[in-house]
Amino acid sequence: MIDSVQIPADMVVNAIVVAMVAHANRPFDDAIYQVGSSVRNPVRYTNLQDFGFDYFSKKPWIGKDGKPVKVGRVKVLSSMANFHGYMAIRYLLLLKVCSRSQNHSHEIGLAYGLI
């Protein structure tokens, strides 16, 4: 008995539409497109992290100064709650501290007639 192969139609249709748009108003060339999906061996976010890090480590961007831009691993968080917590600790807390110190400096400047 032959197993039937199920192809997710939405992925195929989306790939066809993208290929049509990419080649609109161009003469035919020998482009080949491949679309795949797998339940047995899916690509995980950690794989994407590794792929991106490996690629840009081997083929770095060159900065304005002519030197390679050093890349780090991308931080992938497992939930929106973790994302919000990370953003609060990493950025929001610092912004609040800076905002308060700027307001305080402004008040001191006004009090002493410096502003």
C-alpha atoms as a PDB file:
ATOM      1  CA  MET A   1       0.000   0.000   0.000  1.00  0.00           C
ATOM      2  CA  ILE A   2       1.381   3.403  -0.987  1.00  0.00           C
ATOM      3  CA  ASP A   3       1.179   6.178   1.599  1.00  0.00           C
ATOM      4  CA  SER A   4      -0.537   9.250   0.290  1.00  0.00           C
ATOM      5  CA  VAL A   5       1.500  12.441   0.370  1.00  0.00           C
ATOM      6  CA  GLN A   6      -0.348  15.418   1.757  1.00  0.00           C
ATOM      7  CA  ILE A   7       0.842  18.790   0.550  1.00  0.00           C
ATOM      8  CA  PRO A   8      -0.380  21.857   2.453  1.00  0.00           C
ATOM      9  CA  ALA A   9      -2.255  23.681  -0.319  1.00  0.00           C
ATOM     10  CA  ASP A  10      -1.940  27.119   1.293  1.00  0.00           C
ATOM     11  CA  MET A  11       1.866  26.867   1.246  1.00  0.00           C
ATOM     12  CA  VAL A  12       1.910  25.786  -2.385  1.00  0.00           C
ATOM     13  CA  VAL A  13      -0.483  28.533  -3.472  1.00  0.00           C
ATOM     14  CA  ASN A  14       1.474  31.160  -1.526  1.00  0.00           C
ATOM     15  CA  ALA A  15       4.731  29.984  -3.112  1.00  0.00           C
ATOM     16  CA  ILE A  16       3.213  30.156  -6.601  1.00  0.00           C
ATOM     17  CA  VAL A  17       1.899  33.683  -5.987  1.00  0.00           C
ATOM     18  CA  VAL A  18       5.299  34.831  -4.690  1.00  0.00           C
ATOM     19  CA  ALA A  19       7.073  33.301  -7.698  1.00  0.00           C
ATOM     20  CA  MET A  20       4.631  35.030 -10.074  1.00  0.00           C
ATOM     21  CA  VAL A  21       5.192  38.405  -8.425  1.00  0.00           C
ATOM     22  CA  ALA A  22       8.968  37.915  -8.354  1.00  0.00           C
ATOM     23  CA  HIS A  23       9.002  37.252 -12.113  1.00  0.00           C
ATOM     24  CA  ALA A  24       6.348  39.728 -13.216  1.00  0.00           C
ATOM     25  CA  ASN A  25       7.418  41.762 -16.265  1.00  0.00           C
ATOM     26  CA  ARG A  26      10.615  39.702 -16.661  1.00  0.00           C
ATOM     27  CA  PRO A  27      11.626  37.310 -19.372  1.00  0.00           C
ATOM     28  CA  PHE A  28      11.596  33.653 -18.418  1.00  0.00           C
ATOM     29  CA  ASP A  29      14.697  32.387 -16.694  1.00  0.00           C
ATOM     30  CA  ASP A  30      15.607  29.007 -15.311  1.00  0.00           C
ATOM     31  CA  ALA A  31      14.571  29.693 -11.720  1.00  0.00           C
ATOM     32  CA  ILE A  32      13.671  26.710  -9.564  1.00  0.00           C
ATOM     33  CA  TYR A  33      11.580  27.046  -6.432  1.00  0.00           C
ATOM     34  CA  GLN A  34      11.193  24.438  -3.725  1.00  0.00           C
ATOM     35  CA  VAL A  35       8.616  24.513  -0.958  1.00  0.00           C
ATOM     36  CA  GLY A  36       8.691  21.955   1.784  1.00  0.00           C
ATOM     37  CA  SER A  37       6.988  21.079   5.003  1.00  0.00           C
ATOM     38  CA  SER A  38       7.716  18.276   7.406  1.00  0.00           C
ATOM     39  CA  VAL A  39       6.144  16.923  10.542  1.00  0.00           C
ATOM     40  CA  ARG A  40       8.907  14.342  10.927  1.00  0.00           C
ATOM     41  CA  ASN A  41      11.846  16.753  10.860  1.00  0.00           C
ATOM     42  CA  PRO A  42      10.616  20.307  11.450  1.00  0.00           C
ATOM     43  CA  VAL A  43      12.922  23.312  11.625  1.00  0.00           C
ATOM     44  CA  ARG A  44      12.910  24.688  15.148  1.00  0.00           C
ATOM     45  CA  TYR A  45      13.606  28.255  16.220  1.00  0.00           C
ATOM     46  CA  THR A  46      16.876  27.135  17.772  1.00  0.00           C
ATOM     47  CA  ASN A  47      17.890  25.798  14.342  1.00  0.00           C
ATOM     48  CA  LEU A  48      17.128  29.199  12.828  1.00  0.00           C
ATOM     49  CA  GLN A  49      19.305  30.827  15.484  1.00  0.00           C
ATOM     50  CA  ASP A  50      22.168  28.506  14.647  1.00  0.00           C
ATOM     51  CA  PHE A  51      21.726  28.890  10.879  1.00  0.00           C
ATOM     52  CA  GLY A  52      21.738  32.693  11.097  1.00  0.00           C
ATOM     53  CA  PHE A  53      24.690  32.823  13.488  1.00  0.00           C
ATOM     54  CA  ASP A  54      26.724  30.362  11.412  1.00  0.00           C
ATOM     55  CA  TYR A  55      25.958  32.166   8.136  1.00  0.00           C
ATOM     56  CA  PHE A  56      26.821  35.660   9.356  1.00  0.00           C
ATOM     57  CA  SER A  57      29.887  34.386  11.205  1.00  0.00           C
ATOM     58  CA  LYS A  58      31.232  32.905   7.967  1.00  0.00           C
ATOM     59  CA  LYS A  59      30.003  35.735   5.698  1.00  0.00           C
ATOM     60  CA  PRO A  60      29.873  38.849   7.884  1.00  0.00           C
ATOM     61  CA  TRP A  61      28.449  42.189   6.942  1.00  0.00           C
ATOM     62  CA  ILE A  62      31.112  44.791   6.351  1.00  0.00           C
ATOM     63  CA  GLY A  63      30.590  47.985   8.331  1.00  0.00           C
ATOM     64  CA  LYS A  64      31.187  51.559   7.169  1.00  0.00           C
ATOM     65  CA  ASP A  65      34.676  51.351   8.642  1.00  0.00           C
ATOM     66  CA  GLY A  66      35.481  48.400   6.353  1.00  0.00           C
ATOM     67  CA  LYS A  67      35.619  45.912   9.216  1.00  0.00           C
ATOM     68  CA  PRO A  68      33.380  42.850   9.620  1.00  0.00           C
ATOM     69  CA  VAL A  69      30.402  43.351  11.924  1.00  0.00           C
ATOM     70  CA  LYS A  70      30.582  40.878  14.798  1.00  0.00           C
ATOM     71  CA  VAL A  71      27.318  38.995  15.294  1.00  0.00           C
ATOM     72  CA  GLY A  72      25.900  37.353  18.371  1.00  0.00           C
ATOM     73  CA  ARG A  73      23.255  34.734  18.824  1.00  0.00           C
ATOM     74  CA  VAL A  74      19.672  35.942  18.551  1.00  0.00           C
ATOM     75  CA  LYS A  75      17.643  35.666  21.741  1.00  0.00           C
ATOM     76  CA  VAL A  76      14.464  33.685  21.088  1.00  0.00           C
ATOM     77  CA  LEU A  77      11.930  33.725  23.887  1.00  0.00           C
ATOM     78  CA  SER A  78       9.415  30.946  24.391  1.00  0.00           C
ATOM     79  CA  SER A  79       6.322  33.046  25.127  1.00  0.00           C
ATOM     80  CA  MET A  80       4.911  36.561  24.973  1.00  0.00           C
ATOM     81  CA  ALA A  81       5.077  36.729  28.775  1.00  0.00           C
ATOM     82  CA  ASN A  82       8.820  36.044  28.601  1.00  0.00           C
ATOM     83  CA  PHE A  83       9.148  38.653  25.844  1.00  0.00           C
ATOM     84  CA  HIS A  84       7.359  41.297  27.929  1.00  0.00           C
ATOM     85  CA  GLY A  85       9.484  40.460  30.966  1.00  0.00           C
ATOM     86  CA  TYR A  86      12.686  40.624  28.926  1.00  0.00           C
ATOM     87  CA  MET A  87      11.722  43.979  27.412  1.00  0.00           C
ATOM     88  CA  ALA A  88      10.773  45.388  30.823  1.00  0.00           C
ATOM     89  CA  ILE A  89      14.067  44.392  32.402  1.00  0.00           C
ATOM     90  CA  ARG A  90      16.275  45.168  29.417  1.00  0.00           C
ATOM     91  CA  TYR A  91      14.746  48.432  28.190  1.00  0.00           C
ATOM     92  CA  LEU A  92      11.770  49.753  30.164  1.00  0.00           C
ATOM     93  CA  LEU A  93      13.572  49.889  33.497  1.00  0.00           C
ATOM     94  CA  LEU A  94      16.501  51.768  31.948  1.00  0.00           C
ATOM     95  CA  LEU A  95      14.154  54.186  30.183  1.00  0.00           C
ATOM     96  CA  LYS A  96      12.357  54.952  33.446  1.00  0.00           C
ATOM     97  CA  VAL A  97      15.642  55.582  35.269  1.00  0.00           C
ATOM     98  CA  CYS A  98      16.894  57.852  32.476  1.00  0.00           C
ATOM     99  CA  SER A  99      13.575  59.688  32.288  1.00  0.00           C
ATOM    100  CA  ARG A 100      13.550  60.358  36.034  1.00  0.00           C
ATOM    101  CA  SER A 101      17.151  61.552  36.045  1.00  0.00           C
ATOM    102  CA  GLN A 102      16.449  63.898  33.109  1.00  0.00           C
ATOM    103  CA  ASN A 103      13.373  65.315  34.861  1.00  0.00           C
ATOM    104  CA  HIS A 104      15.365  65.705  38.075  1.00  0.00           C
ATOM    105  CA  SER A 105      18.242  67.433  36.228  1.00  0.00           C
ATOM    106  CA  HIS A 106      15.752  69.749  34.528  1.00  0.00           C
ATOM    107  CA  GLU A 107      14.202  70.678  37.899  1.00  0.00           C
ATOM    108  CA  ILE A 108      17.621  71.417  39.396  1.00  0.00           C
ATOM    109  CA  GLY A 109      18.541  73.534  36.380  1.00  0.00           C
ATOM    110  CA  LEU A 110      15.327  75.537  36.762  1.00  0.00           C
ATOM    111  CA  ALA A 111      15.840  75.949  40.523  1.00  0.00           C
ATOM    112  CA  TYR A 112      19.334  77.380  40.051  1.00  0.00           C
ATOM    113  CA  GLY A 113      18.405  79.515  37.054  1.00  0.00           C
ATOM    114  CA  LEU A 114      20.593  77.525  34.677  1.00  0.00           C
ATOM    115  CA  ILE A 115      17.775  76.852  32.262  1.00  0.00           C
END
